[in-house]
Amino acid sequence: MLSVINIVKPQLSDTQIEFMVSNIQAGEWNLALETLCDILIEEEIPINLKV
């Protein structure tokens, strides 16, 4: 999950990153993934898989 966050990190705000990392550290992997998906969809962030 952290590697996925790193792929889109340049397009996320510090607050968004901190929120997801906090969820992961608390063991809330599903919430972190749901949050990431919501952000990607709502903000129409493209993902470059050739990293």
PDB file of N, CA and C in Angstrom:
ATOM      1  N   MET A   1       0.830  -1.193   0.000  1.00  0.00           N
ATOM      2  CA  MET A   1       0.000   0.000   0.000  1.00  0.00           C
ATOM      3  C   MET A   1       0.873   1.255   0.000  1.00  0.00           C
ATOM      4  N   LEU A   2       1.948   1.243   0.781  1.00  0.00           N
ATOM      5  CA  LEU A   2       2.817   2.416   0.814  1.00  0.00           C
ATOM      6  C   LEU A   2       3.477   2.652  -0.530  1.00  0.00           C
ATOM      7  N   SER A   3       3.782   1.581  -1.259  1.00  0.00           N
ATOM      8  CA  SER A   3       4.383   1.771  -2.580  1.00  0.00           C
ATOM      9  C   SER A   3       3.378   2.406  -3.538  1.00  0.00           C
ATOM     10  N   VAL A   4       2.106   2.091  -3.375  1.00  0.00           N
ATOM     11  CA  VAL A   4       1.065   2.715  -4.205  1.00  0.00           C
ATOM     12  C   VAL A   4       0.971   4.203  -3.860  1.00  0.00           C
ATOM     13  N   ILE A   5       0.993   4.518  -2.577  1.00  0.00           N
ATOM     14  CA  ILE A   5       0.964   5.924  -2.167  1.00  0.00           C
ATOM     15  C   ILE A   5       2.157   6.663  -2.759  1.00  0.00           C
ATOM     16  N   ASN A   6       3.329   6.035  -2.768  1.00  0.00           N
ATOM     17  CA  ASN A   6       4.521   6.680  -3.311  1.00  0.00           C
ATOM     18  C   ASN A   6       4.382   6.983  -4.804  1.00  0.00           C
ATOM     19  N   ILE A   7       3.644   6.150  -5.529  1.00  0.00           N
ATOM     20  CA  ILE A   7       3.455   6.372  -6.968  1.00  0.00           C
ATOM     21  C   ILE A   7       2.667   7.657  -7.206  1.00  0.00           C
ATOM     22  N   VAL A   8       1.646   7.900  -6.401  1.00  0.00           N
ATOM     23  CA  VAL A   8       0.795   9.083  -6.608  1.00  0.00           C
ATOM     24  C   VAL A   8       1.130  10.231  -5.653  1.00  0.00           C
ATOM     25  N   LYS A   9       2.138  10.038  -4.825  1.00  0.00           N
ATOM     26  CA  LYS A   9       2.507  11.028  -3.805  1.00  0.00           C
ATOM     27  C   LYS A   9       2.679  12.443  -4.351  1.00  0.00           C
ATOM     28  N   PRO A  10       3.318  12.626  -5.510  1.00  0.00           N
ATOM     29  CA  PRO A  10       3.484  13.995  -6.010  1.00  0.00           C
ATOM     30  C   PRO A  10       2.156  14.721  -6.268  1.00  0.00           C
ATOM     31  N   GLN A  11       1.086  13.967  -6.454  1.00  0.00           N
ATOM     32  CA  GLN A  11      -0.206  14.577  -6.761  1.00  0.00           C
ATOM     33  C   GLN A  11      -1.122  14.690  -5.535  1.00  0.00           C
ATOM     34  N   LEU A  12      -0.652  14.232  -4.382  1.00  0.00           N
ATOM     35  CA  LEU A  12      -1.458  14.280  -3.164  1.00  0.00           C
ATOM     36  C   LEU A  12      -0.967  15.389  -2.243  1.00  0.00           C
ATOM     37  N   SER A  13      -1.877  15.892  -1.427  1.00  0.00           N
ATOM     38  CA  SER A  13      -1.473  16.892  -0.436  1.00  0.00           C
ATOM     39  C   SER A  13      -0.838  16.180   0.756  1.00  0.00           C
ATOM     40  N   ASP A  14      -0.079  16.932   1.528  1.00  0.00           N
ATOM     41  CA  ASP A  14       0.544  16.360   2.730  1.00  0.00           C
ATOM     42  C   ASP A  14      -0.519  15.809   3.680  1.00  0.00           C
ATOM     43  N   THR A  15      -1.642  16.509   3.788  1.00  0.00           N
ATOM     44  CA  THR A  15      -2.726  16.068   4.670  1.00  0.00           C
ATOM     45  C   THR A  15      -3.296  14.729   4.217  1.00  0.00           C
ATOM     46  N   GLN A  16      -3.491  14.564   2.921  1.00  0.00           N
ATOM     47  CA  GLN A  16      -4.012  13.307   2.390  1.00  0.00           C
ATOM     48  C   GLN A  16      -3.053  12.162   2.685  1.00  0.00           C
ATOM     49  N   ILE A  17      -1.770  12.393   2.467  1.00  0.00           N
ATOM     50  CA  ILE A  17      -0.761  11.360   2.708  1.00  0.00           C
ATOM     51  C   ILE A  17      -0.720  10.995   4.188  1.00  0.00           C
ATOM     52  N   GLU A  18      -0.682  12.004   5.045  1.00  0.00           N
ATOM     53  CA  GLU A  18      -0.621  11.770   6.488  1.00  0.00           C
ATOM     54  C   GLU A  18      -1.827  10.981   6.973  1.00  0.00           C
ATOM     55  N   PHE A  19      -3.005  11.296   6.436  1.00  0.00           N
ATOM     56  CA  PHE A  19      -4.225  10.597   6.838  1.00  0.00           C
ATOM     57  C   PHE A  19      -4.146   9.118   6.479  1.00  0.00           C
ATOM     58  N   MET A  20      -3.713   8.824   5.261  1.00  0.00           N
ATOM     59  CA  MET A  20      -3.628   7.422   4.833  1.00  0.00           C
ATOM     60  C   MET A  20      -2.547   6.667   5.599  1.00  0.00           C
ATOM     61  N   VAL A  21      -1.390   7.289   5.799  1.00  0.00           N
ATOM     62  CA  VAL A  21      -0.309   6.644   6.551  1.00  0.00           C
ATOM     63  C   VAL A  21      -0.752   6.392   7.993  1.00  0.00           C
ATOM     64  N   SER A  22      -1.468   7.342   8.574  1.00  0.00           N
ATOM     65  CA  SER A  22      -1.985   7.180   9.928  1.00  0.00           C
ATOM     66  C   SER A  22      -2.938   5.994  10.006  1.00  0.00           C
ATOM     67  N   ASN A  23      -3.787   5.859   9.006  1.00  0.00           N
ATOM     68  CA  ASN A  23      -4.714   4.713   8.966  1.00  0.00           C
ATOM     69  C   ASN A  23      -3.952   3.399   8.874  1.00  0.00           C
ATOM     70  N   ILE A  24      -2.930   3.365   8.045  1.00  0.00           N
ATOM     71  CA  ILE A  24      -2.124   2.148   7.887  1.00  0.00           C
ATOM     72  C   ILE A  24      -1.439   1.800   9.202  1.00  0.00           C
ATOM     73  N   GLN A  25      -0.855   2.798   9.840  1.00  0.00           N
ATOM     74  CA  GLN A  25      -0.164   2.549  11.105  1.00  0.00           C
ATOM     75  C   GLN A  25      -1.116   2.068  12.197  1.00  0.00           C
ATOM     76  N   ALA A  26      -2.380   2.452  12.095  1.00  0.00           N
ATOM     77  CA  ALA A  26      -3.388   2.021  13.066  1.00  0.00           C
ATOM     78  C   ALA A  26      -4.003   0.677  12.686  1.00  0.00           C
ATOM     79  N   GLY A  27      -3.525   0.094  11.579  1.00  0.00           N
ATOM     80  CA  GLY A  27      -4.047  -1.197  11.139  1.00  0.00           C
ATOM     81  C   GLY A  27      -5.322  -1.086  10.326  1.00  0.00           C
ATOM     82  N   GLU A  28      -5.685   0.123   9.932  1.00  0.00           N
ATOM     83  CA  GLU A  28      -6.910   0.356   9.158  1.00  0.00           C
ATOM     84  C   GLU A  28      -6.604   0.375   7.663  1.00  0.00           C
ATOM     85  N   TRP A  29      -6.127  -0.762   7.168  1.00  0.00           N
ATOM     86  CA  TRP A  29      -5.732  -0.869   5.762  1.00  0.00           C
ATOM     87  C   TRP A  29      -6.904  -0.627   4.816  1.00  0.00           C
ATOM     88  N   ASN A  30      -8.067  -1.169   5.152  1.00  0.00           N
ATOM     89  CA  ASN A  30      -9.238  -0.993   4.284  1.00  0.00           C
ATOM     90  C   ASN A  30      -9.627   0.474   4.167  1.00  0.00           C
ATOM     91  N   LEU A  31      -9.585   1.197   5.284  1.00  0.00           N
ATOM     92  CA  LEU A  31      -9.926   2.613   5.268  1.00  0.00           C
ATOM     93  C   LEU A  31      -8.900   3.403   4.459  1.00  0.00           C
ATOM     94  N   ALA A  32      -7.631   3.068   4.594  1.00  0.00           N
ATOM     95  CA  ALA A  32      -6.581   3.750   3.829  1.00  0.00           C
ATOM     96  C   ALA A  32      -6.778   3.519   2.333  1.00  0.00           C
ATOM     97  N   LEU A  33      -7.079   2.301   1.951  1.00  0.00           N
ATOM     98  CA  LEU A  33      -7.295   1.988   0.541  1.00  0.00           C
ATOM     99  C   LEU A  33      -8.547   2.679   0.015  1.00  0.00           C
ATOM    100  N   GLU A  34      -9.612   2.668   0.789  1.00  0.00           N
ATOM    101  CA  GLU A  34     -10.847   3.336   0.399  1.00  0.00           C
ATOM    102  C   GLU A  34     -10.609   4.838   0.216  1.00  0.00           C
ATOM    103  N   THR A  35      -9.858   5.427   1.138  1.00  0.00           N
ATOM    104  CA  THR A  35      -9.545   6.848   1.052  1.00  0.00           C
ATOM    105  C   THR A  35      -8.737   7.148  -0.208  1.00  0.00           C
ATOM    106  N   LEU A  36      -7.729   6.325  -0.478  1.00  0.00           N
ATOM    107  CA  LEU A  36      -6.913   6.518  -1.675  1.00  0.00           C
ATOM    108  C   LEU A  36      -7.771   6.435  -2.931  1.00  0.00           C
ATOM    109  N   CYS A  37      -8.611   5.443  -3.013  1.00  0.00           N
ATOM    110  CA  CYS A  37      -9.485   5.294  -4.185  1.00  0.00           C
ATOM    111  C   CYS A  37     -10.411   6.495  -4.345  1.00  0.00           C
ATOM    112  N   ASP A  38     -10.997   6.953  -3.233  1.00  0.00           N
ATOM    113  CA  ASP A  38     -11.873   8.129  -3.284  1.00  0.00           C
ATOM    114  C   ASP A  38     -11.130   9.347  -3.813  1.00  0.00           C
ATOM    115  N   ILE A  39      -9.914   9.557  -3.336  1.00  0.00           N
ATOM    116  CA  ILE A  39      -9.115  10.700  -3.776  1.00  0.00           C
ATOM    117  C   ILE A  39      -8.806  10.595  -5.268  1.00  0.00           C
ATOM    118  N   LEU A  40      -8.382   9.417  -5.702  1.00  0.00           N
ATOM    119  CA  LEU A  40      -8.037   9.226  -7.114  1.00  0.00           C
ATOM    120  C   LEU A  40      -9.233   9.480  -8.018  1.00  0.00           C
ATOM    121  N   ILE A  41     -10.403   9.015  -7.592  1.00  0.00           N
ATOM    122  CA  ILE A  41     -11.617   9.178  -8.398  1.00  0.00           C
ATOM    123  C   ILE A  41     -12.094  10.624  -8.372  1.00  0.00           C
ATOM    124  N   GLU A  42     -12.229  11.194  -7.179  1.00  0.00           N
ATOM    125  CA  GLU A  42     -12.780  12.543  -7.046  1.00  0.00           C
ATOM    126  C   GLU A  42     -11.900  13.606  -7.686  1.00  0.00           C
ATOM    127  N   GLU A  43     -10.598  13.443  -7.577  1.00  0.00           N
ATOM    128  CA  GLU A  43      -9.686  14.444  -8.122  1.00  0.00           C
ATOM    129  C   GLU A  43      -9.160  14.057  -9.499  1.00  0.00           C
ATOM    130  N   GLU A  44      -9.651  12.929 -10.024  1.00  0.00           N
ATOM    131  CA  GLU A  44      -9.274  12.436 -11.353  1.00  0.00           C
ATOM    132  C   GLU A  44      -7.756  12.418 -11.540  1.00  0.00           C
ATOM    133  N   ILE A  45      -7.080  11.813 -10.571  1.00  0.00           N
ATOM    134  CA  ILE A  45      -5.621  11.728 -10.609  1.00  0.00           C
ATOM    135  C   ILE A  45      -5.207  10.541 -11.477  1.00  0.00           C
ATOM    136  N   PRO A  46      -4.428  10.802 -12.526  1.00  0.00           N
ATOM    137  CA  PRO A  46      -3.950   9.692 -13.366  1.00  0.00           C
ATOM    138  C   PRO A  46      -2.860   8.915 -12.657  1.00  0.00           C
ATOM    139  N   ILE A  47      -2.770   7.646 -12.966  1.00  0.00           N
ATOM    140  CA  ILE A  47      -1.742   6.790 -12.366  1.00  0.00           C
ATOM    141  C   ILE A  47      -0.810   6.325 -13.470  1.00  0.00           C
ATOM    142  N   ASN A  48       0.484   6.603 -13.296  1.00  0.00           N
ATOM    143  CA  ASN A  48       1.479   6.144 -14.248  1.00  0.00           C
ATOM    144  C   ASN A  48       2.059   4.843 -13.693  1.00  0.00           C
ATOM    145  N   LEU A  49       1.713   3.730 -14.300  1.00  0.00           N
ATOM    146  CA  LEU A  49       2.157   2.418 -13.829  1.00  0.00           C
ATOM    147  C   LEU A  49       3.554   2.060 -14.332  1.00  0.00           C
ATOM    148  N   LYS A  50       4.161   2.922 -15.115  1.00  0.00           N
ATOM    149  CA  LYS A  50       5.497   2.674 -15.643  1.00  0.00           C
ATOM    150  C   LYS A  50       6.544   3.342 -14.757  1.00  0.00           C
ATOM    151  N   VAL A  51       6.509   3.025 -13.483  1.00  0.00           N
ATOM    152  CA  VAL A  51       7.444   3.628 -12.527  1.00  0.00           C
ATOM    153  C   VAL A  51       8.516   2.629 -12.184  1.00  0.00           C
TER     154      VAL A  51
END
